[in-house]
Amino acid sequence: MRTIHVIGIGAGDPDQLTLQAVRALRATDVFFVPDKGEVKTDLVRSRRDLLETHLARGTYRIVEARDPERDREAGGTAYAPAVRDWRGARADVYERLIAEELGEDESGAFLVWGDPALYDSTLGILEEILERGEVAFAYDVVPGISSVSALVARHRTGLNRVARPVQITTGRRLAEGFPEGVDDVVVMLDAHQAFRRYADQDIDIYWGAHLGTPDEILASGPIAEAGPRIERLRAEARERKGWIMDTYLLRRNPGDG
């Protein structure tokens, strides 16, 4: 039976690749690499560089396929259907790649930024393909260093405080309100900088963009002070690259909220 490895490759620093991930790379015949278009060609190049660093030439194949576009303007009740449609389109692409590009006795791999279990769709898409019943395969998962772990490490702070919970959420959810009963909140997938609505509260922000790469940017401090600087840095970084990957930790100080 075909085998698929879902390999977490870290937040961007090639040194964050684990020994388990390297072993999985070396056990792979075909690497499936989504092409997200001209603006994000450096993401494809980074994956290729990673493979060239750890694998001997001629021991593997790379198959690129254009990643379906998602409707990023959809909001409100249209958001969930837009995501479902996008995942379905991605499942169509992945199913074709596995069926047509992977031999019955070969192993393939998807290289996932960060950790495959945290805000990534690959595992869900593979399950959808298996449920369709058109192509059979086994798969395993290699965990990776997430952007969350990289963020707090670069800021030299903990993810949570003693005996206190921490919550991971999205910018869309944060815009609806600060989570109840939690003072430490990690925010991912925030295209609209939802932290700005909390500038009048005693909350510190630890922000990072393009973590682990030569383009890495860090900023921290009270939102009221650091927020405007983050907005400027984020806009400049997006202008340079055409896209941005960032995440941040919000830490509400005692007595506020």
C-alpha atoms as a PDB file:
ATOM      1  CA  MET A   1       0.000   0.000   0.000  1.00  0.00           C
ATOM      2  CA  ARG A   2       1.069   3.574  -0.608  1.00  0.00           C
ATOM      3  CA  THR A   3       2.364   5.426   2.446  1.00  0.00           C
ATOM      4  CA  ILE A   4       2.144   9.157   3.120  1.00  0.00           C
ATOM      5  CA  HIS A   5       4.341  10.968   5.631  1.00  0.00           C
ATOM      6  CA  VAL A   6       3.010  14.271   6.958  1.00  0.00           C
ATOM      7  CA  ILE A   7       6.185  15.955   8.174  1.00  0.00           C
ATOM      8  CA  GLY A   8       6.295  19.044  10.373  1.00  0.00           C
ATOM      9  CA  ILE A   9       9.308  21.072   9.262  1.00  0.00           C
ATOM     10  CA  GLY A  10       9.234  23.852  11.860  1.00  0.00           C
ATOM     11  CA  ALA A  11       8.451  27.534  11.699  1.00  0.00           C
ATOM     12  CA  GLY A  12      11.175  28.405   9.214  1.00  0.00           C
ATOM     13  CA  ASP A  13      14.600  27.773  10.720  1.00  0.00           C
ATOM     14  CA  PRO A  14      16.175  24.749   8.972  1.00  0.00           C
ATOM     15  CA  ASP A  15      17.876  23.856  12.255  1.00  0.00           C
ATOM     16  CA  GLN A  16      14.441  23.231  13.778  1.00  0.00           C
ATOM     17  CA  LEU A  17      14.006  20.067  11.737  1.00  0.00           C
ATOM     18  CA  THR A  18      13.918  17.112  14.155  1.00  0.00           C
ATOM     19  CA  LEU A  19      15.888  13.884  13.770  1.00  0.00           C
ATOM     20  CA  GLN A  20      12.570  12.055  13.339  1.00  0.00           C
ATOM     21  CA  ALA A  21      11.701  14.409  10.487  1.00  0.00           C
ATOM     22  CA  VAL A  22      15.067  13.777   8.812  1.00  0.00           C
ATOM     23  CA  ARG A  23      14.491  10.013   9.005  1.00  0.00           C
ATOM     24  CA  ALA A  24      11.055  10.476   7.454  1.00  0.00           C
ATOM     25  CA  LEU A  25      12.541  12.597   4.654  1.00  0.00           C
ATOM     26  CA  ARG A  26      15.035   9.854   3.874  1.00  0.00           C
ATOM     27  CA  ALA A  27      12.250   7.262   3.754  1.00  0.00           C
ATOM     28  CA  THR A  28      10.290   9.238   1.136  1.00  0.00           C
ATOM     29  CA  ASP A  29      10.258   8.652  -2.612  1.00  0.00           C
ATOM     30  CA  VAL A  30       8.038  11.548  -3.731  1.00  0.00           C
ATOM     31  CA  PHE A  31       7.526  14.966  -2.144  1.00  0.00           C
ATOM     32  CA  PHE A  32       4.314  16.815  -2.953  1.00  0.00           C
ATOM     33  CA  VAL A  33       4.839  20.569  -2.856  1.00  0.00           C
ATOM     34  CA  PRO A  34       1.891  22.982  -3.191  1.00  0.00           C
ATOM     35  CA  ASP A  35       2.613  25.984  -5.398  1.00  0.00           C
ATOM     36  CA  LYS A  36       0.937  29.074  -3.952  1.00  0.00           C
ATOM     37  CA  GLY A  37       1.758  31.306  -6.883  1.00  0.00           C
ATOM     38  CA  GLU A  38       4.495  33.729  -7.863  1.00  0.00           C
ATOM     39  CA  VAL A  39       4.216  35.849  -4.711  1.00  0.00           C
ATOM     40  CA  LYS A  40       5.080  32.898  -2.484  1.00  0.00           C
ATOM     41  CA  THR A  41       7.719  31.175  -4.601  1.00  0.00           C
ATOM     42  CA  ASP A  42      10.170  31.446  -1.701  1.00  0.00           C
ATOM     43  CA  LEU A  43       8.029  28.912   0.221  1.00  0.00           C
ATOM     44  CA  VAL A  44       8.615  26.355  -2.528  1.00  0.00           C
ATOM     45  CA  ARG A  45      12.296  27.264  -2.686  1.00  0.00           C
ATOM     46  CA  SER A  46      12.662  26.816   1.084  1.00  0.00           C
ATOM     47  CA  ARG A  47      11.249  23.300   0.850  1.00  0.00           C
ATOM     48  CA  ARG A  48      13.576  22.454  -2.025  1.00  0.00           C
ATOM     49  CA  ASP A  49      16.579  23.822  -0.102  1.00  0.00           C
ATOM     50  CA  LEU A  50      15.583  21.730   2.895  1.00  0.00           C
ATOM     51  CA  LEU A  51      15.531  18.564   0.816  1.00  0.00           C
ATOM     52  CA  GLU A  52      18.849  19.344  -0.863  1.00  0.00           C
ATOM     53  CA  THR A  53      20.430  19.844   2.561  1.00  0.00           C
ATOM     54  CA  HIS A  54      19.380  16.478   3.942  1.00  0.00           C
ATOM     55  CA  LEU A  55      19.000  14.172   0.935  1.00  0.00           C
ATOM     56  CA  ALA A  56      21.294  12.921  -1.796  1.00  0.00           C
ATOM     57  CA  ARG A  57      20.465  14.064  -5.305  1.00  0.00           C
ATOM     58  CA  GLY A  58      18.615  11.539  -7.398  1.00  0.00           C
ATOM     59  CA  THR A  59      17.082   9.694  -4.448  1.00  0.00           C
ATOM     60  CA  TYR A  60      13.690  11.409  -4.575  1.00  0.00           C
ATOM     61  CA  ARG A  61      11.229  13.224  -6.816  1.00  0.00           C
ATOM     62  CA  ILE A  62       9.438  16.531  -6.283  1.00  0.00           C
ATOM     63  CA  VAL A  63       5.964  17.030  -7.698  1.00  0.00           C
ATOM     64  CA  GLU A  64       4.537  20.539  -7.598  1.00  0.00           C
ATOM     65  CA  ALA A  65       0.851  21.340  -7.963  1.00  0.00           C
ATOM     66  CA  ARG A  66      -0.941  24.662  -7.903  1.00  0.00           C
ATOM     67  CA  ASP A  67      -2.689  25.191  -4.580  1.00  0.00           C
ATOM     68  CA  PRO A  68      -6.364  26.203  -4.988  1.00  0.00           C
ATOM     69  CA  GLU A  69      -7.179  29.784  -4.088  1.00  0.00           C
ATOM     70  CA  ARG A  70      -9.380  30.414  -1.050  1.00  0.00           C
ATOM     71  CA  ASP A  71     -11.997  33.164  -0.940  1.00  0.00           C
ATOM     72  CA  ARG A  72     -10.379  35.402   1.673  1.00  0.00           C
ATOM     73  CA  GLU A  73     -13.087  38.048   1.379  1.00  0.00           C
ATOM     74  CA  ALA A  74     -15.766  35.733   2.729  1.00  0.00           C
ATOM     75  CA  GLY A  75     -16.874  36.728   6.211  1.00  0.00           C
ATOM     76  CA  GLY A  76     -19.665  36.079   8.669  1.00  0.00           C
ATOM     77  CA  THR A  77     -21.818  33.073   7.771  1.00  0.00           C
ATOM     78  CA  ALA A  78     -20.003  32.741   4.421  1.00  0.00           C
ATOM     79  CA  TYR A  79     -16.633  32.027   6.053  1.00  0.00           C
ATOM     80  CA  ALA A  80     -17.170  28.360   6.973  1.00  0.00           C
ATOM     81  CA  PRO A  81     -18.615  27.396   3.549  1.00  0.00           C
ATOM     82  CA  ALA A  82     -15.690  29.157   1.829  1.00  0.00           C
ATOM     83  CA  VAL A  83     -13.205  27.157   3.897  1.00  0.00           C
ATOM     84  CA  ARG A  84     -15.071  23.902   3.166  1.00  0.00           C
ATOM     85  CA  ASP A  85     -15.019  24.618  -0.554  1.00  0.00           C
ATOM     86  CA  TRP A  86     -11.298  25.378  -0.439  1.00  0.00           C
ATOM     87  CA  ARG A  87     -10.503  22.206   1.509  1.00  0.00           C
ATOM     88  CA  GLY A  88     -12.578  20.174  -0.932  1.00  0.00           C
ATOM     89  CA  ALA A  89     -10.671  21.645  -3.869  1.00  0.00           C
ATOM     90  CA  ARG A  90      -7.394  20.903  -2.109  1.00  0.00           C
ATOM     91  CA  ALA A  91      -8.521  17.327  -1.461  1.00  0.00           C
ATOM     92  CA  ASP A  92      -9.164  16.961  -5.224  1.00  0.00           C
ATOM     93  CA  VAL A  93      -5.587  18.043  -5.949  1.00  0.00           C
ATOM     94  CA  TYR A  94      -4.002  15.839  -3.266  1.00  0.00           C
ATOM     95  CA  GLU A  95      -6.086  12.830  -4.317  1.00  0.00           C
ATOM     96  CA  ARG A  96      -4.903  13.192  -7.899  1.00  0.00           C
ATOM     97  CA  LEU A  97      -1.276  13.547  -6.832  1.00  0.00           C
ATOM     98  CA  ILE A  98      -1.377  10.412  -4.697  1.00  0.00           C
ATOM     99  CA  ALA A  99      -3.200   8.364  -7.338  1.00  0.00           C
ATOM    100  CA  GLU A 100      -1.157   9.466 -10.358  1.00  0.00           C
ATOM    101  CA  GLU A 101       2.297  10.313  -9.007  1.00  0.00           C
ATOM    102  CA  LEU A 102       2.822   7.675  -6.312  1.00  0.00           C
ATOM    103  CA  GLY A 103       3.440   4.022  -7.120  1.00  0.00           C
ATOM    104  CA  GLU A 104       1.659   1.310  -5.159  1.00  0.00           C
ATOM    105  CA  ASP A 105       4.792   0.481  -3.174  1.00  0.00           C
ATOM    106  CA  GLU A 106       6.151   4.032  -2.835  1.00  0.00           C
ATOM    107  CA  SER A 107       6.019   6.575  -0.054  1.00  0.00           C
ATOM    108  CA  GLY A 108       5.104  10.223  -0.484  1.00  0.00           C
ATOM    109  CA  ALA A 109       5.285  13.198   1.839  1.00  0.00           C
ATOM    110  CA  PHE A 110       3.738  16.577   2.483  1.00  0.00           C
ATOM    111  CA  LEU A 111       6.062  19.066   4.213  1.00  0.00           C
ATOM    112  CA  VAL A 112       4.029  21.154   6.647  1.00  0.00           C
ATOM    113  CA  TRP A 113       5.201  24.445   8.126  1.00  0.00           C
ATOM    114  CA  GLY A 114       5.259  24.322  11.917  1.00  0.00           C
ATOM    115  CA  ASP A 115       3.312  21.391  13.342  1.00  0.00           C
ATOM    116  CA  PRO A 116       0.702  19.459  11.305  1.00  0.00           C
ATOM    117  CA  ALA A 117      -1.657  19.323  14.300  1.00  0.00           C
ATOM    118  CA  LEU A 118      -1.908  23.096  14.808  1.00  0.00           C
ATOM    119  CA  TYR A 119      -3.998  25.187  12.391  1.00  0.00           C
ATOM    120  CA  ASP A 120      -3.092  23.123   9.354  1.00  0.00           C
ATOM    121  CA  SER A 121      -5.534  21.355   7.073  1.00  0.00           C
ATOM    122  CA  THR A 122      -3.395  18.478   5.751  1.00  0.00           C
ATOM    123  CA  LEU A 123      -4.582  15.787   8.176  1.00  0.00           C
ATOM    124  CA  GLY A 124      -8.236  16.636   7.656  1.00  0.00           C
ATOM    125  CA  ILE A 125      -7.789  16.614   3.881  1.00  0.00           C
ATOM    126  CA  LEU A 126      -6.120  13.193   3.913  1.00  0.00           C
ATOM    127  CA  GLU A 127      -8.997  11.824   5.991  1.00  0.00           C
ATOM    128  CA  GLU A 128     -11.467  13.263   3.485  1.00  0.00           C
ATOM    129  CA  ILE A 129      -9.643  11.543   0.637  1.00  0.00           C
ATOM    130  CA  LEU A 130      -9.709   8.203   2.456  1.00  0.00           C
ATOM    131  CA  GLU A 131     -13.435   8.590   3.116  1.00  0.00           C
ATOM    132  CA  ARG A 132     -14.042   9.031  -0.625  1.00  0.00           C
ATOM    133  CA  GLY A 133     -12.647   5.533  -1.135  1.00  0.00           C
ATOM    134  CA  GLU A 134     -11.080   6.184  -4.537  1.00  0.00           C
ATOM    135  CA  VAL A 135      -7.454   5.770  -3.475  1.00  0.00           C
ATOM    136  CA  ALA A 136      -6.032   3.804  -0.546  1.00  0.00           C
ATOM    137  CA  PHE A 137      -2.977   4.694   1.513  1.00  0.00           C
ATOM    138  CA  ALA A 138      -1.617   4.619   5.043  1.00  0.00           C
ATOM    139  CA  TYR A 139      -0.211   7.755   6.621  1.00  0.00           C
ATOM    140  CA  ASP A 140       1.781   8.833   9.647  1.00  0.00           C
ATOM    141  CA  VAL A 141       2.519  12.197  11.235  1.00  0.00           C
ATOM    142  CA  VAL A 142       5.846  13.665  12.339  1.00  0.00           C
ATOM    143  CA  PRO A 143       5.390  16.581  14.756  1.00  0.00           C
ATOM    144  CA  GLY A 144       7.250  19.831  14.157  1.00  0.00           C
ATOM    145  CA  ILE A 145       8.238  22.945  16.084  1.00  0.00           C
ATOM    146  CA  SER A 146       5.274  25.282  15.738  1.00  0.00           C
ATOM    147  CA  SER A 147       5.375  29.035  15.278  1.00  0.00           C
ATOM    148  CA  VAL A 148       3.899  29.243  18.787  1.00  0.00           C
ATOM    149  CA  SER A 149       6.907  27.481  20.307  1.00  0.00           C
ATOM    150  CA  ALA A 150       9.308  29.497  18.157  1.00  0.00           C
ATOM    151  CA  LEU A 151       7.604  32.755  19.148  1.00  0.00           C
ATOM    152  CA  VAL A 152       7.913  32.350  22.916  1.00  0.00           C
ATOM    153  CA  ALA A 153      11.442  30.988  22.580  1.00  0.00           C
ATOM    154  CA  ARG A 154      12.563  34.043  20.616  1.00  0.00           C
ATOM    155  CA  HIS A 155      10.966  36.343  23.205  1.00  0.00           C
ATOM    156  CA  ARG A 156      12.475  34.297  26.047  1.00  0.00           C
ATOM    157  CA  THR A 157       9.162  33.934  27.823  1.00  0.00           C
ATOM    158  CA  GLY A 158       6.848  31.098  28.785  1.00  0.00           C
ATOM    159  CA  LEU A 159       3.651  30.243  27.016  1.00  0.00           C
ATOM    160  CA  ASN A 160       1.694  30.184  30.260  1.00  0.00           C
ATOM    161  CA  ARG A 161       2.115  31.435  33.814  1.00  0.00           C
ATOM    162  CA  VAL A 162       2.210  29.261  36.942  1.00  0.00           C
ATOM    163  CA  ALA A 163      -1.003  27.254  37.328  1.00  0.00           C
ATOM    164  CA  ARG A 164      -2.711  29.407  34.692  1.00  0.00           C
ATOM    165  CA  PRO A 165      -4.310  28.292  31.410  1.00  0.00           C
ATOM    166  CA  VAL A 166      -3.328  29.453  27.952  1.00  0.00           C
ATOM    167  CA  GLN A 167      -5.594  29.538  24.904  1.00  0.00           C
ATOM    168  CA  ILE A 168      -4.723  29.417  21.206  1.00  0.00           C
ATOM    169  CA  THR A 169      -7.205  31.141  18.948  1.00  0.00           C
ATOM    170  CA  THR A 170      -7.527  33.061  15.695  1.00  0.00           C
ATOM    171  CA  GLY A 171      -7.656  36.750  14.892  1.00  0.00           C
ATOM    172  CA  ARG A 172     -11.251  36.289  13.754  1.00  0.00           C
ATOM    173  CA  ARG A 173     -12.198  34.952  17.204  1.00  0.00           C
ATOM    174  CA  LEU A 174     -10.209  37.594  19.066  1.00  0.00           C
ATOM    175  CA  ALA A 175     -12.091  40.303  17.191  1.00  0.00           C
ATOM    176  CA  GLU A 176     -15.281  38.944  18.789  1.00  0.00           C
ATOM    177  CA  GLY A 177     -13.901  39.394  22.302  1.00  0.00           C
ATOM    178  CA  PHE A 178     -11.079  38.443  24.643  1.00  0.00           C
ATOM    179  CA  PRO A 179     -11.556  34.801  25.755  1.00  0.00           C
ATOM    180  CA  GLU A 180     -13.200  34.494  29.167  1.00  0.00           C
ATOM    181  CA  GLY A 181     -11.253  33.025  32.066  1.00  0.00           C
ATOM    182  CA  VAL A 182      -7.912  33.248  30.266  1.00  0.00           C
ATOM    183  CA  ASP A 183      -5.206  35.902  30.576  1.00  0.00           C
ATOM    184  CA  ASP A 184      -2.650  34.392  28.183  1.00  0.00           C
ATOM    185  CA  VAL A 185      -3.855  34.093  24.592  1.00  0.00           C
ATOM    186  CA  VAL A 186      -1.893  33.067  21.494  1.00  0.00           C
ATOM    187  CA  VAL A 187      -3.351  34.467  18.279  1.00  0.00           C
ATOM    188  CA  MET A 188      -2.763  32.989  14.834  1.00  0.00           C
ATOM    189  CA  LEU A 189      -4.137  33.751  11.383  1.00  0.00           C
ATOM    190  CA  ASP A 190      -4.825  37.403  12.163  1.00  0.00           C
ATOM    191  CA  ALA A 191      -4.945  39.312   8.891  1.00  0.00           C
ATOM    192  CA  HIS A 192      -6.593  42.370  10.453  1.00  0.00           C
ATOM    193  CA  GLN A 193      -4.500  42.919  13.622  1.00  0.00           C
ATOM    194  CA  ALA A 194      -7.352  42.362  16.053  1.00  0.00           C
ATOM    195  CA  PHE A 195      -5.064  43.181  18.985  1.00  0.00           C
ATOM    196  CA  ARG A 196      -5.653  46.878  18.275  1.00  0.00           C
ATOM    197  CA  ARG A 197      -9.066  46.815  19.915  1.00  0.00           C
ATOM    198  CA  TYR A 198      -7.369  46.071  23.272  1.00  0.00           C
ATOM    199  CA  ALA A 199      -4.945  49.003  23.254  1.00  0.00           C
ATOM    200  CA  ASP A 200      -6.820  50.616  26.156  1.00  0.00           C
ATOM    201  CA  GLN A 201      -6.252  47.604  28.434  1.00  0.00           C
ATOM    202  CA  ASP A 202      -3.207  46.575  30.450  1.00  0.00           C
ATOM    203  CA  ILE A 203      -2.127  43.826  28.056  1.00  0.00           C
ATOM    204  CA  ASP A 204       1.370  43.043  26.789  1.00  0.00           C
ATOM    205  CA  ILE A 205       1.947  41.695  23.302  1.00  0.00           C
ATOM    206  CA  TYR A 206       4.783  39.434  22.108  1.00  0.00           C
ATOM    207  CA  TRP A 207       4.726  39.479  18.314  1.00  0.00           C
ATOM    208  CA  GLY A 208       6.790  37.788  15.641  1.00  0.00           C
ATOM    209  CA  ALA A 209       6.704  37.531  11.858  1.00  0.00           C
ATOM    210  CA  HIS A 210       8.531  35.119   9.520  1.00  0.00           C
ATOM    211  CA  LEU A 211       9.898  33.357  12.589  1.00  0.00           C
ATOM    212  CA  GLY A 212      13.088  31.384  12.103  1.00  0.00           C
ATOM    213  CA  THR A 213      13.885  32.931   8.725  1.00  0.00           C
ATOM    214  CA  PRO A 214      16.350  35.660   7.690  1.00  0.00           C
ATOM    215  CA  ASP A 215      13.312  37.989   7.476  1.00  0.00           C
ATOM    216  CA  GLU A 216      12.305  37.419  11.108  1.00  0.00           C
ATOM    217  CA  ILE A 217      10.892  40.448  12.950  1.00  0.00           C
ATOM    218  CA  LEU A 218      10.126  40.681  16.673  1.00  0.00           C
ATOM    219  CA  ALA A 219       8.383  43.296  18.791  1.00  0.00           C
ATOM    220  CA  SER A 220       6.945  43.339  22.293  1.00  0.00           C
ATOM    221  CA  GLY A 221       5.560  45.608  24.979  1.00  0.00           C
ATOM    222  CA  PRO A 222       2.214  47.016  26.122  1.00  0.00           C
ATOM    223  CA  ILE A 223      -0.238  47.043  23.217  1.00  0.00           C
ATOM    224  CA  ALA A 224      -0.694  50.793  23.535  1.00  0.00           C
ATOM    225  CA  GLU A 225       3.036  51.310  22.923  1.00  0.00           C
ATOM    226  CA  ALA A 226       4.031  48.329  20.767  1.00  0.00           C
ATOM    227  CA  GLY A 227       0.844  48.167  18.682  1.00  0.00           C
ATOM    228  CA  PRO A 228       1.598  51.090  16.341  1.00  0.00           C
ATOM    229  CA  ARG A 229       5.169  49.825  15.849  1.00  0.00           C
ATOM    230  CA  ILE A 230       3.880  46.345  15.001  1.00  0.00           C
ATOM    231  CA  GLU A 231       1.419  47.784  12.492  1.00  0.00           C
ATOM    232  CA  ARG A 232       4.235  49.655  10.772  1.00  0.00           C
ATOM    233  CA  LEU A 233       6.636  46.687  10.790  1.00  0.00           C
ATOM    234  CA  ARG A 234       3.935  44.386   9.509  1.00  0.00           C
ATOM    235  CA  ALA A 235       2.992  46.722   6.663  1.00  0.00           C
ATOM    236  CA  GLU A 236       6.640  47.144   5.646  1.00  0.00           C
ATOM    237  CA  ALA A 237       7.279  43.397   5.722  1.00  0.00           C
ATOM    238  CA  ARG A 238       4.189  42.671   3.670  1.00  0.00           C
ATOM    239  CA  GLU A 239       5.219  45.295   1.117  1.00  0.00           C
ATOM    240  CA  ARG A 240       8.673  43.702   0.769  1.00  0.00           C
ATOM    241  CA  LYS A 241       7.523  40.093   0.357  1.00  0.00           C
ATOM    242  CA  GLY A 242       3.933  40.414  -0.812  1.00  0.00           C
ATOM    243  CA  TRP A 243       2.707  38.241   2.073  1.00  0.00           C
ATOM    244  CA  ILE A 244       3.336  37.734   5.783  1.00  0.00           C
ATOM    245  CA  MET A 245       3.163  34.956   8.365  1.00  0.00           C
ATOM    246  CA  ASP A 246       2.939  36.241  11.924  1.00  0.00           C
ATOM    247  CA  THR A 247       1.608  35.253  15.327  1.00  0.00           C
ATOM    248  CA  TYR A 248       1.541  36.786  18.773  1.00  0.00           C
ATOM    249  CA  LEU A 249       0.940  36.192  22.466  1.00  0.00           C
ATOM    250  CA  LEU A 250      -1.280  38.537  24.456  1.00  0.00           C
ATOM    251  CA  ARG A 251      -0.653  38.591  28.214  1.00  0.00           C
ATOM    252  CA  ARG A 252      -3.209  40.415  30.343  1.00  0.00           C
ATOM    253  CA  ASN A 253      -1.765  41.771  33.560  1.00  0.00           C
ATOM    254  CA  PRO A 254      -3.483  41.046  36.904  1.00  0.00           C
ATOM    255  CA  GLY A 255      -6.346  43.354  37.799  1.00  0.00           C
ATOM    256  CA  ASP A 256      -7.339  44.164  34.208  1.00  0.00           C
ATOM    257  CA  GLY A 257     -10.444  42.674  32.636  1.00  0.00           C
END
